[in-house]
Amino acid sequence: MLMLLACSATAPWASVDSDRDAPVAIAKRLRAYFVETSESRSGGGDALLVLIPDEVECSDVVVAAQQALDADNDLFGWEGLAFHLSFETGDGATDLTWEALYWGAEATSVIGQRSLSAWLLTGGSLMSLDGGWLELTEHANELVAGAFDVSWYAGEFAAEHCGTALPVEEEPDDTGADTGA
């Protein structure tokens, strides 16, 4: 763990091992970025963790998160891995936090729900990686750290926390609404 924190002080990174039978070989050393959605709050949240070989600006990751999985999303142009994490505190339970184990499906307990979706980013496509887990061991303003093991890929990361993505502004509805002006 000390090595994880020491390396994270210089740059966001991820160390990834690929299974021999993985459909696509990806780099063993990737850049790591984490962005929360604007709906994240005490007791619940959504976030995107992106592991890619190229160094990008946090603002690029924020834009990708804002666009979700639209066809125009920057994610389609990147190579690597992406994870969507979500949690919601249950009724009457103490607020959950980001630090926890996320399973490759929705996990429900008396204290709330957590879910994880993982994708391989390659050749302009997203390939779903079913099953597996991701554990966040640290969540701070500058750093998000943890480990993962999903179909064909496993590793550790110390991601740069890129802040919060705002929802994409929808086009105004100009379908004949009379404002009286």
N, C-alpha and C. Protein backbone atom coordinates (compact mmCIF):
# COMPACT_ATOMS: atom_id res chain seq x y z
N MET A 1 0.82 -1.19 0.00
CA MET A 1 0.00 0.00 0.00
C MET A 1 0.86 1.26 0.00
N LEU A 2 1.99 1.22 0.70
CA LEU A 2 2.88 2.37 0.74
C LEU A 2 3.41 2.68 -0.66
N MET A 3 3.74 1.63 -1.44
CA MET A 3 4.20 1.83 -2.80
C MET A 3 3.11 2.48 -3.64
N LEU A 4 1.88 2.06 -3.45
CA LEU A 4 0.74 2.60 -4.18
C LEU A 4 0.65 4.11 -3.95
N LEU A 5 0.77 4.54 -2.72
CA LEU A 5 0.67 5.97 -2.41
C LEU A 5 1.89 6.74 -2.89
N ALA A 6 3.07 6.14 -2.81
CA ALA A 6 4.28 6.83 -3.26
C ALA A 6 4.24 7.07 -4.75
N CYS A 7 3.81 6.09 -5.52
CA CYS A 7 3.73 6.25 -6.97
C CYS A 7 2.66 7.25 -7.37
N SER A 8 1.59 7.31 -6.59
CA SER A 8 0.48 8.19 -6.96
C SER A 8 0.83 9.65 -6.80
N ALA A 9 1.84 9.96 -6.02
CA ALA A 9 2.20 11.35 -5.80
C ALA A 9 2.75 11.99 -7.08
N THR A 10 3.30 11.19 -8.00
CA THR A 10 3.89 11.75 -9.21
C THR A 10 2.92 11.81 -10.37
N ALA A 11 2.08 10.81 -10.54
CA ALA A 11 1.15 10.78 -11.66
C ALA A 11 0.08 9.72 -11.40
N PRO A 12 -1.10 9.92 -11.97
CA PRO A 12 -2.12 8.88 -11.84
C PRO A 12 -1.66 7.65 -12.63
N TRP A 13 -1.87 6.46 -12.09
CA TRP A 13 -1.40 5.25 -12.76
C TRP A 13 -2.27 4.05 -12.42
N ALA A 14 -2.13 3.04 -13.24
CA ALA A 14 -2.74 1.73 -12.98
C ALA A 14 -1.77 0.68 -13.48
N SER A 15 -1.68 -0.39 -12.75
CA SER A 15 -0.88 -1.55 -13.13
C SER A 15 -1.87 -2.66 -13.48
N VAL A 16 -1.80 -3.18 -14.72
CA VAL A 16 -2.80 -4.13 -15.20
C VAL A 16 -2.12 -5.40 -15.71
N ASP A 17 -2.64 -6.55 -15.28
CA ASP A 17 -2.23 -7.84 -15.81
C ASP A 17 -3.36 -8.37 -16.67
N SER A 18 -3.01 -8.88 -17.86
CA SER A 18 -4.00 -9.47 -18.77
C SER A 18 -3.84 -10.98 -18.78
N ASP A 19 -4.97 -11.70 -18.78
CA ASP A 19 -4.92 -13.15 -18.93
C ASP A 19 -4.37 -13.49 -20.31
N ARG A 20 -3.80 -14.65 -20.41
CA ARG A 20 -3.24 -15.14 -21.67
C ARG A 20 -4.30 -15.21 -22.77
N ASP A 21 -5.53 -15.53 -22.40
CA ASP A 21 -6.60 -15.67 -23.39
C ASP A 21 -7.47 -14.41 -23.53
N ALA A 22 -6.99 -13.26 -23.06
CA ALA A 22 -7.74 -12.01 -23.18
C ALA A 22 -7.97 -11.68 -24.65
N PRO A 23 -9.14 -11.15 -25.00
CA PRO A 23 -9.43 -10.83 -26.41
C PRO A 23 -8.52 -9.74 -26.97
N VAL A 24 -8.05 -8.83 -26.10
CA VAL A 24 -7.18 -7.74 -26.51
C VAL A 24 -6.12 -7.56 -25.42
N ALA A 25 -4.86 -7.51 -25.84
CA ALA A 25 -3.79 -7.22 -24.88
C ALA A 25 -3.75 -5.71 -24.66
N ILE A 26 -3.69 -5.30 -23.41
CA ILE A 26 -3.58 -3.87 -23.12
C ILE A 26 -2.28 -3.64 -22.35
N ALA A 27 -1.84 -2.41 -22.33
CA ALA A 27 -0.59 -2.05 -21.67
C ALA A 27 -0.62 -2.43 -20.20
N LYS A 28 0.55 -2.78 -19.67
CA LYS A 28 0.65 -3.14 -18.25
C LYS A 28 0.62 -1.90 -17.36
N ARG A 29 0.96 -0.76 -17.90
CA ARG A 29 0.97 0.49 -17.13
C ARG A 29 0.07 1.49 -17.84
N LEU A 30 -0.96 1.96 -17.15
CA LEU A 30 -1.93 2.89 -17.72
C LEU A 30 -2.08 4.12 -16.84
N ARG A 31 -2.64 5.16 -17.39
CA ARG A 31 -3.01 6.35 -16.62
C ARG A 31 -4.39 6.11 -16.04
N ALA A 32 -4.68 6.68 -14.87
CA ALA A 32 -5.95 6.43 -14.18
C ALA A 32 -6.63 7.74 -13.81
N TYR A 33 -7.93 7.84 -14.14
CA TYR A 33 -8.72 9.04 -13.88
C TYR A 33 -10.07 8.66 -13.32
N PHE A 34 -10.57 9.43 -12.34
CA PHE A 34 -11.83 9.16 -11.66
C PHE A 34 -12.65 10.44 -11.66
N VAL A 35 -13.92 10.34 -12.06
CA VAL A 35 -14.80 11.51 -12.04
C VAL A 35 -16.17 11.08 -11.52
N GLU A 36 -16.73 11.90 -10.63
CA GLU A 36 -18.06 11.65 -10.08
C GLU A 36 -19.09 12.43 -10.87
N THR A 37 -20.32 11.95 -10.87
CA THR A 37 -21.39 12.71 -11.51
C THR A 37 -21.93 13.74 -10.53
N SER A 38 -22.63 14.72 -11.07
CA SER A 38 -23.17 15.78 -10.21
C SER A 38 -24.23 15.27 -9.26
N GLU A 39 -24.78 14.08 -9.53
CA GLU A 39 -25.79 13.50 -8.66
C GLU A 39 -25.18 12.88 -7.40
N SER A 40 -23.84 12.76 -7.35
CA SER A 40 -23.17 12.19 -6.17
C SER A 40 -23.39 13.09 -4.97
N ARG A 41 -23.65 12.47 -3.84
CA ARG A 41 -23.93 13.22 -2.62
C ARG A 41 -23.64 12.30 -1.43
N SER A 42 -23.82 12.80 -0.26
CA SER A 42 -23.66 11.98 0.92
C SER A 42 -24.68 10.85 0.88
N GLY A 43 -24.22 9.64 0.94
CA GLY A 43 -25.11 8.50 0.95
C GLY A 43 -25.42 7.90 -0.40
N GLY A 44 -24.84 8.45 -1.48
CA GLY A 44 -25.08 7.88 -2.80
C GLY A 44 -24.22 8.54 -3.85
N GLY A 45 -23.98 7.83 -4.95
CA GLY A 45 -23.20 8.43 -6.01
C GLY A 45 -22.99 7.54 -7.20
N ASP A 46 -22.53 8.15 -8.28
CA ASP A 46 -22.14 7.48 -9.51
C ASP A 46 -20.79 8.04 -9.92
N ALA A 47 -19.93 7.18 -10.48
CA ALA A 47 -18.61 7.64 -10.91
C ALA A 47 -18.11 6.81 -12.08
N LEU A 48 -17.15 7.38 -12.78
CA LEU A 48 -16.49 6.71 -13.89
C LEU A 48 -15.00 6.68 -13.61
N LEU A 49 -14.41 5.49 -13.67
CA LEU A 49 -12.96 5.30 -13.53
C LEU A 49 -12.46 4.86 -14.90
N VAL A 50 -11.48 5.59 -15.44
CA VAL A 50 -10.95 5.30 -16.77
C VAL A 50 -9.46 5.00 -16.65
N LEU A 51 -9.03 3.88 -17.23
CA LEU A 51 -7.62 3.47 -17.25
C LEU A 51 -7.20 3.39 -18.72
N ILE A 52 -6.33 4.32 -19.14
CA ILE A 52 -5.92 4.40 -20.55
C ILE A 52 -4.41 4.65 -20.64
N PRO A 53 -3.78 4.27 -21.76
CA PRO A 53 -2.33 4.45 -21.87
C PRO A 53 -1.89 5.89 -22.08
N ASP A 54 -2.77 6.73 -22.61
CA ASP A 54 -2.41 8.11 -22.92
C ASP A 54 -2.71 9.04 -21.76
N GLU A 55 -1.86 10.04 -21.60
CA GLU A 55 -2.13 11.07 -20.61
C GLU A 55 -3.13 12.05 -21.23
N VAL A 56 -4.22 12.29 -20.54
CA VAL A 56 -5.22 13.24 -21.00
C VAL A 56 -5.48 14.24 -19.87
N GLU A 57 -6.15 15.28 -20.19
CA GLU A 57 -6.55 16.26 -19.19
C GLU A 57 -7.77 15.74 -18.44
N CYS A 58 -7.87 16.09 -17.18
CA CYS A 58 -9.07 15.72 -16.41
C CYS A 58 -10.33 16.24 -17.09
N SER A 59 -10.23 17.40 -17.71
CA SER A 59 -11.41 17.96 -18.37
C SER A 59 -11.93 17.03 -19.47
N ASP A 60 -11.04 16.29 -20.14
CA ASP A 60 -11.46 15.32 -21.16
C ASP A 60 -12.26 14.18 -20.53
N VAL A 61 -11.85 13.74 -19.35
CA VAL A 61 -12.56 12.66 -18.66
C VAL A 61 -13.90 13.16 -18.16
N VAL A 62 -13.94 14.40 -17.69
CA VAL A 62 -15.20 15.00 -17.24
C VAL A 62 -16.19 15.06 -18.41
N VAL A 63 -15.72 15.49 -19.58
CA VAL A 63 -16.60 15.55 -20.76
C VAL A 63 -17.11 14.16 -21.10
N ALA A 64 -16.23 13.15 -21.06
CA ALA A 64 -16.64 11.77 -21.35
C ALA A 64 -17.72 11.31 -20.38
N ALA A 65 -17.57 11.65 -19.10
CA ALA A 65 -18.57 11.27 -18.10
C ALA A 65 -19.88 12.02 -18.34
N GLN A 66 -19.79 13.29 -18.75
CA GLN A 66 -21.00 14.06 -19.03
C GLN A 66 -21.78 13.45 -20.19
N GLN A 67 -21.07 12.93 -21.16
CA GLN A 67 -21.72 12.36 -22.34
C GLN A 67 -22.20 10.94 -22.11
N ALA A 68 -21.91 10.40 -20.91
CA ALA A 68 -22.27 9.02 -20.57
C ALA A 68 -21.76 8.10 -21.67
N LEU A 69 -22.60 7.28 -22.25
CA LEU A 69 -22.15 6.36 -23.28
C LEU A 69 -22.73 6.70 -24.65
N ASP A 70 -22.85 8.00 -24.93
CA ASP A 70 -23.31 8.44 -26.25
C ASP A 70 -22.28 8.07 -27.31
N ALA A 71 -22.71 7.99 -28.55
CA ALA A 71 -21.82 7.64 -29.65
C ALA A 71 -20.70 8.67 -29.82
N ASP A 72 -20.92 9.90 -29.38
CA ASP A 72 -19.89 10.94 -29.49
C ASP A 72 -18.90 10.92 -28.34
N ASN A 73 -19.03 9.98 -27.46
CA ASN A 73 -18.22 9.94 -26.24
C ASN A 73 -16.75 9.71 -26.55
N ASP A 74 -15.88 10.43 -25.85
CA ASP A 74 -14.43 10.26 -25.99
C ASP A 74 -13.98 8.84 -25.65
N LEU A 75 -14.74 8.14 -24.81
CA LEU A 75 -14.36 6.77 -24.44
C LEU A 75 -14.15 5.89 -25.66
N PHE A 76 -14.94 6.10 -26.71
CA PHE A 76 -14.83 5.25 -27.89
C PHE A 76 -13.49 5.43 -28.61
N GLY A 77 -12.83 6.54 -28.42
CA GLY A 77 -11.53 6.77 -29.04
C GLY A 77 -10.36 6.32 -28.19
N TRP A 78 -10.60 5.92 -26.96
CA TRP A 78 -9.53 5.51 -26.06
C TRP A 78 -9.36 4.00 -26.07
N GLU A 79 -8.18 3.54 -25.66
CA GLU A 79 -7.89 2.11 -25.49
C GLU A 79 -7.65 1.88 -24.01
N GLY A 80 -8.19 0.84 -23.43
CA GLY A 80 -7.96 0.55 -22.02
C GLY A 80 -9.18 -0.04 -21.36
N LEU A 81 -9.44 0.39 -20.13
CA LEU A 81 -10.55 -0.12 -19.34
C LEU A 81 -11.35 1.05 -18.76
N ALA A 82 -12.65 0.84 -18.57
CA ALA A 82 -13.51 1.84 -17.92
C ALA A 82 -14.44 1.11 -16.95
N PHE A 83 -14.72 1.77 -15.83
CA PHE A 83 -15.58 1.19 -14.80
C PHE A 83 -16.62 2.23 -14.39
N HIS A 84 -17.87 1.82 -14.27
CA HIS A 84 -18.93 2.66 -13.73
C HIS A 84 -19.27 2.10 -12.35
N LEU A 85 -19.14 2.94 -11.32
CA LEU A 85 -19.46 2.54 -9.95
C LEU A 85 -20.67 3.34 -9.48
N SER A 86 -21.53 2.68 -8.71
CA SER A 86 -22.71 3.34 -8.21
C SER A 86 -23.04 2.80 -6.83
N PHE A 87 -23.50 3.68 -5.94
CA PHE A 87 -23.99 3.22 -4.63
C PHE A 87 -25.12 4.10 -4.15
N GLU A 88 -25.99 3.52 -3.33
CA GLU A 88 -27.13 4.21 -2.76
C GLU A 88 -27.38 3.66 -1.37
N THR A 89 -27.43 4.55 -0.37
CA THR A 89 -27.70 4.13 1.00
C THR A 89 -29.17 3.72 1.12
N GLY A 90 -29.42 2.64 1.86
CA GLY A 90 -30.79 2.17 2.08
C GLY A 90 -31.54 3.05 3.06
N ASP A 91 -32.85 2.91 3.08
CA ASP A 91 -33.70 3.70 3.98
C ASP A 91 -33.31 3.47 5.43
N GLY A 92 -33.08 4.54 6.16
CA GLY A 92 -32.80 4.46 7.58
C GLY A 92 -31.41 3.98 7.93
N ALA A 93 -30.55 3.72 6.94
CA ALA A 93 -29.19 3.23 7.21
C ALA A 93 -28.23 4.40 7.33
N THR A 94 -27.10 4.16 7.98
CA THR A 94 -26.04 5.14 8.03
C THR A 94 -25.52 5.33 6.61
N ASP A 95 -25.17 6.57 6.25
CA ASP A 95 -24.70 6.84 4.89
C ASP A 95 -23.53 5.95 4.51
N LEU A 96 -23.61 5.36 3.34
CA LEU A 96 -22.49 4.60 2.78
C LEU A 96 -21.46 5.59 2.24
N THR A 97 -20.25 5.12 2.02
CA THR A 97 -19.20 5.94 1.43
C THR A 97 -18.68 5.24 0.19
N TRP A 98 -17.79 5.91 -0.54
CA TRP A 98 -17.20 5.33 -1.74
C TRP A 98 -16.32 4.12 -1.43
N GLU A 99 -15.57 4.18 -0.31
CA GLU A 99 -14.64 3.09 0.01
C GLU A 99 -15.42 1.82 0.31
N ALA A 100 -15.27 0.83 -0.58
CA ALA A 100 -15.99 -0.43 -0.42
C ALA A 100 -15.64 -1.36 -1.56
N LEU A 101 -16.21 -2.55 -1.49
CA LEU A 101 -16.07 -3.55 -2.54
C LEU A 101 -17.31 -3.48 -3.44
N TYR A 102 -17.09 -3.37 -4.76
CA TYR A 102 -18.15 -3.34 -5.75
C TYR A 102 -18.08 -4.62 -6.57
N TRP A 103 -19.21 -5.30 -6.72
CA TRP A 103 -19.27 -6.54 -7.50
C TRP A 103 -19.75 -6.24 -8.90
N GLY A 104 -19.47 -7.12 -9.85
CA GLY A 104 -19.80 -6.93 -11.26
C GLY A 104 -21.27 -7.10 -11.57
N ALA A 105 -22.12 -6.73 -10.68
CA ALA A 105 -23.57 -6.71 -10.84
C ALA A 105 -24.07 -5.89 -9.66
N GLU A 106 -25.36 -5.76 -9.51
CA GLU A 106 -25.89 -5.02 -8.37
C GLU A 106 -25.87 -5.90 -7.13
N ALA A 107 -25.34 -5.38 -6.05
CA ALA A 107 -25.34 -6.07 -4.76
C ALA A 107 -26.21 -5.27 -3.80
N THR A 108 -27.18 -5.92 -3.19
CA THR A 108 -28.11 -5.24 -2.29
C THR A 108 -27.99 -5.82 -0.89
N SER A 109 -27.99 -4.95 0.11
CA SER A 109 -28.00 -5.38 1.51
C SER A 109 -28.95 -4.48 2.27
N VAL A 110 -29.08 -4.71 3.56
CA VAL A 110 -29.98 -3.87 4.37
C VAL A 110 -29.47 -2.44 4.47
N ILE A 111 -28.17 -2.22 4.22
CA ILE A 111 -27.65 -0.85 4.32
C ILE A 111 -27.64 -0.12 2.99
N GLY A 112 -27.88 -0.81 1.88
CA GLY A 112 -27.93 -0.12 0.59
C GLY A 112 -27.57 -1.00 -0.58
N GLN A 113 -27.32 -0.35 -1.71
CA GLN A 113 -26.99 -1.05 -2.95
C GLN A 113 -25.69 -0.52 -3.52
N ARG A 114 -24.92 -1.41 -4.16
CA ARG A 114 -23.71 -1.03 -4.88
C ARG A 114 -23.72 -1.77 -6.21
N SER A 115 -23.19 -1.15 -7.25
CA SER A 115 -23.10 -1.84 -8.53
C SER A 115 -21.83 -1.43 -9.27
N LEU A 116 -21.40 -2.31 -10.15
CA LEU A 116 -20.20 -2.11 -10.95
C LEU A 116 -20.46 -2.60 -12.37
N SER A 117 -20.10 -1.79 -13.34
CA SER A 117 -20.07 -2.21 -14.74
C SER A 117 -18.66 -1.94 -15.22
N ALA A 118 -18.11 -2.86 -16.02
CA ALA A 118 -16.75 -2.71 -16.54
C ALA A 118 -16.76 -2.92 -18.04
N TRP A 119 -15.88 -2.17 -18.74
CA TRP A 119 -15.78 -2.28 -20.20
C TRP A 119 -14.33 -2.28 -20.64
N LEU A 120 -14.06 -3.03 -21.68
CA LEU A 120 -12.81 -2.96 -22.42
C LEU A 120 -13.02 -1.93 -23.51
N LEU A 121 -12.13 -0.94 -23.60
CA LEU A 121 -12.21 0.10 -24.63
C LEU A 121 -11.21 -0.27 -25.71
N THR A 122 -11.69 -0.54 -26.91
CA THR A 122 -10.77 -0.94 -27.97
C THR A 122 -11.35 -0.71 -29.35
N GLY A 123 -10.53 -0.20 -30.26
CA GLY A 123 -10.92 -0.05 -31.65
C GLY A 123 -12.21 0.70 -31.87
N GLY A 124 -12.50 1.70 -31.04
CA GLY A 124 -13.73 2.46 -31.19
C GLY A 124 -14.96 1.75 -30.65
N SER A 125 -14.77 0.70 -29.86
CA SER A 125 -15.89 -0.07 -29.32
C SER A 125 -15.77 -0.22 -27.81
N LEU A 126 -16.90 -0.52 -27.19
CA LEU A 126 -16.94 -0.88 -25.77
C LEU A 126 -17.35 -2.34 -25.69
N MET A 127 -16.57 -3.15 -24.99
CA MET A 127 -16.91 -4.55 -24.78
C MET A 127 -17.17 -4.75 -23.30
N SER A 128 -18.36 -5.20 -22.95
CA SER A 128 -18.73 -5.41 -21.55
C SER A 128 -17.89 -6.53 -20.96
N LEU A 129 -17.38 -6.30 -19.75
CA LEU A 129 -16.62 -7.30 -19.01
C LEU A 129 -17.49 -7.75 -17.84
N ASP A 130 -18.21 -8.83 -18.01
CA ASP A 130 -19.14 -9.31 -16.99
C ASP A 130 -18.40 -9.87 -15.78
N GLY A 131 -19.05 -9.76 -14.62
CA GLY A 131 -18.53 -10.34 -13.40
C GLY A 131 -17.36 -9.54 -12.83
N GLY A 132 -16.72 -10.13 -11.85
CA GLY A 132 -15.56 -9.50 -11.24
C GLY A 132 -15.91 -8.55 -10.12
N TRP A 133 -14.88 -7.80 -9.68
CA TRP A 133 -15.04 -6.87 -8.57
C TRP A 133 -14.05 -5.72 -8.71
N LEU A 134 -14.32 -4.64 -7.97
CA LEU A 134 -13.42 -3.51 -7.84
C LEU A 134 -13.55 -3.02 -6.40
N GLU A 135 -12.42 -2.81 -5.74
CA GLU A 135 -12.45 -2.31 -4.37
C GLU A 135 -11.78 -0.95 -4.31
N LEU A 136 -12.52 0.05 -3.81
CA LEU A 136 -11.94 1.36 -3.55
C LEU A 136 -11.44 1.37 -2.12
N THR A 137 -10.16 1.56 -1.95
CA THR A 137 -9.57 1.58 -0.62
C THR A 137 -9.31 3.00 -0.12
N GLU A 138 -9.32 3.97 -1.05
CA GLU A 138 -9.12 5.36 -0.67
C GLU A 138 -9.89 6.25 -1.63
N HIS A 139 -10.60 7.24 -1.07
CA HIS A 139 -11.34 8.21 -1.87
C HIS A 139 -11.12 9.57 -1.23
N ALA A 140 -10.33 10.41 -1.90
CA ALA A 140 -10.03 11.75 -1.39
C ALA A 140 -10.19 12.75 -2.53
N ASN A 141 -10.03 14.03 -2.22
CA ASN A 141 -10.19 15.08 -3.24
C ASN A 141 -9.21 14.95 -4.39
N GLU A 142 -7.99 14.46 -4.14
CA GLU A 142 -6.98 14.37 -5.19
C GLU A 142 -6.74 12.95 -5.67
N LEU A 143 -7.09 11.94 -4.88
CA LEU A 143 -6.69 10.57 -5.16
C LEU A 143 -7.81 9.58 -4.88
N VAL A 144 -7.95 8.62 -5.78
CA VAL A 144 -8.84 7.49 -5.57
C VAL A 144 -8.01 6.25 -5.87
N ALA A 145 -7.90 5.34 -4.90
CA ALA A 145 -7.03 4.18 -5.05
C ALA A 145 -7.78 2.89 -4.79
N GLY A 146 -7.27 1.81 -5.37
CA GLY A 146 -7.88 0.52 -5.15
C GLY A 146 -7.32 -0.56 -6.05
N ALA A 147 -8.10 -1.64 -6.19
CA ALA A 147 -7.71 -2.80 -6.99
C ALA A 147 -8.95 -3.35 -7.68
N PHE A 148 -8.73 -4.16 -8.73
CA PHE A 148 -9.85 -4.74 -9.46
C PHE A 148 -9.46 -6.09 -10.04
N ASP A 149 -10.48 -6.88 -10.33
CA ASP A 149 -10.31 -8.17 -11.02
C ASP A 149 -11.60 -8.42 -11.78
N VAL A 150 -11.56 -8.24 -13.10
CA VAL A 150 -12.71 -8.46 -13.97
C VAL A 150 -12.30 -9.46 -15.05
N SER A 151 -13.22 -9.84 -15.91
CA SER A 151 -12.92 -10.80 -16.96
C SER A 151 -11.62 -10.43 -17.68
N TRP A 152 -10.64 -11.30 -17.64
CA TRP A 152 -9.36 -11.21 -18.35
C TRP A 152 -8.37 -10.19 -17.81
N TYR A 153 -8.77 -9.26 -16.91
CA TYR A 153 -7.87 -8.19 -16.48
C TYR A 153 -7.94 -8.00 -14.97
N ALA A 154 -6.78 -7.75 -14.36
CA ALA A 154 -6.71 -7.49 -12.92
C ALA A 154 -5.60 -6.47 -12.67
N GLY A 155 -5.71 -5.73 -11.57
CA GLY A 155 -4.65 -4.78 -11.27
C GLY A 155 -4.97 -3.87 -10.11
N GLU A 156 -4.10 -2.85 -9.95
CA GLU A 156 -4.23 -1.82 -8.92
C GLU A 156 -4.20 -0.46 -9.59
N PHE A 157 -4.71 0.55 -8.90
CA PHE A 157 -4.70 1.90 -9.47
C PHE A 157 -4.61 2.94 -8.37
N ALA A 158 -4.06 4.08 -8.73
CA ALA A 158 -4.07 5.30 -7.93
C ALA A 158 -4.48 6.39 -8.92
N ALA A 159 -5.77 6.68 -8.95
CA ALA A 159 -6.34 7.57 -9.97
C ALA A 159 -6.38 9.01 -9.52
N GLU A 160 -6.19 9.91 -10.48
CA GLU A 160 -6.38 11.33 -10.23
C GLU A 160 -7.88 11.58 -10.11
N HIS A 161 -8.30 12.25 -9.05
CA HIS A 161 -9.71 12.60 -8.87
C HIS A 161 -9.96 13.87 -9.68
N CYS A 162 -10.75 13.74 -10.74
CA CYS A 162 -10.98 14.85 -11.67
C CYS A 162 -12.16 15.73 -11.29
N GLY A 163 -12.78 15.47 -10.17
CA GLY A 163 -13.89 16.31 -9.73
C GLY A 163 -15.24 15.76 -10.15
N THR A 164 -16.14 16.68 -10.46
CA THR A 164 -17.53 16.33 -10.73
C THR A 164 -17.92 16.72 -12.14
N ALA A 165 -18.62 15.82 -12.81
CA ALA A 165 -19.17 16.10 -14.14
C ALA A 165 -20.58 16.62 -13.99
N LEU A 166 -20.89 17.69 -14.69
CA LEU A 166 -22.24 18.22 -14.68
C LEU A 166 -23.06 17.51 -15.73
N PRO A 167 -24.38 17.42 -15.53
CA PRO A 167 -25.19 16.75 -16.55
C PRO A 167 -25.15 17.53 -17.87
N VAL A 168 -25.29 16.80 -18.96
CA VAL A 168 -25.32 17.44 -20.28
C VAL A 168 -26.58 18.27 -20.38
N GLU A 169 -26.44 19.51 -20.81
CA GLU A 169 -27.59 20.40 -20.97
C GLU A 169 -28.40 19.92 -22.17
N GLU A 170 -29.69 19.75 -21.95
CA GLU A 170 -30.56 19.34 -23.05
C GLU A 170 -30.97 20.56 -23.85
N GLU A 171 -31.24 20.33 -25.13
CA GLU A 171 -31.71 21.41 -26.00
C GLU A 171 -33.07 21.88 -25.51
N PRO A 172 -33.34 23.20 -25.54
CA PRO A 172 -34.65 23.68 -25.12
C PRO A 172 -35.73 23.16 -26.06
N ASP A 173 -36.90 22.93 -25.50
CA ASP A 173 -38.02 22.44 -26.28
C ASP A 173 -38.75 23.62 -26.92
N ASP A 174 -38.53 23.80 -28.23
CA ASP A 174 -39.16 24.89 -28.97
C ASP A 174 -40.27 24.37 -29.85
N THR A 175 -41.10 23.50 -29.33
CA THR A 175 -42.13 22.86 -30.15
C THR A 175 -43.46 23.61 -30.06
N GLY A 176 -43.39 24.90 -30.18
CA GLY A 176 -44.62 25.67 -30.26
C GLY A 176 -45.14 26.17 -28.93
N ALA A 177 -44.37 26.13 -27.88
CA ALA A 177 -44.83 26.65 -26.59
C ALA A 177 -44.94 28.15 -26.70
N ASP A 178 -46.11 28.70 -26.44
CA ASP A 178 -46.33 30.14 -26.53
C ASP A 178 -46.04 30.77 -25.17
N THR A 179 -45.08 31.66 -25.14
CA THR A 179 -44.71 32.32 -23.88
C THR A 179 -45.50 33.60 -23.66
N GLY A 180 -46.29 33.99 -24.63
CA GLY A 180 -47.09 35.21 -24.49
C GLY A 180 -46.31 36.47 -24.78
N ALA A 181 -45.06 36.33 -25.19
CA ALA A 181 -44.24 37.51 -25.46
C ALA A 181 -44.45 38.03 -26.84
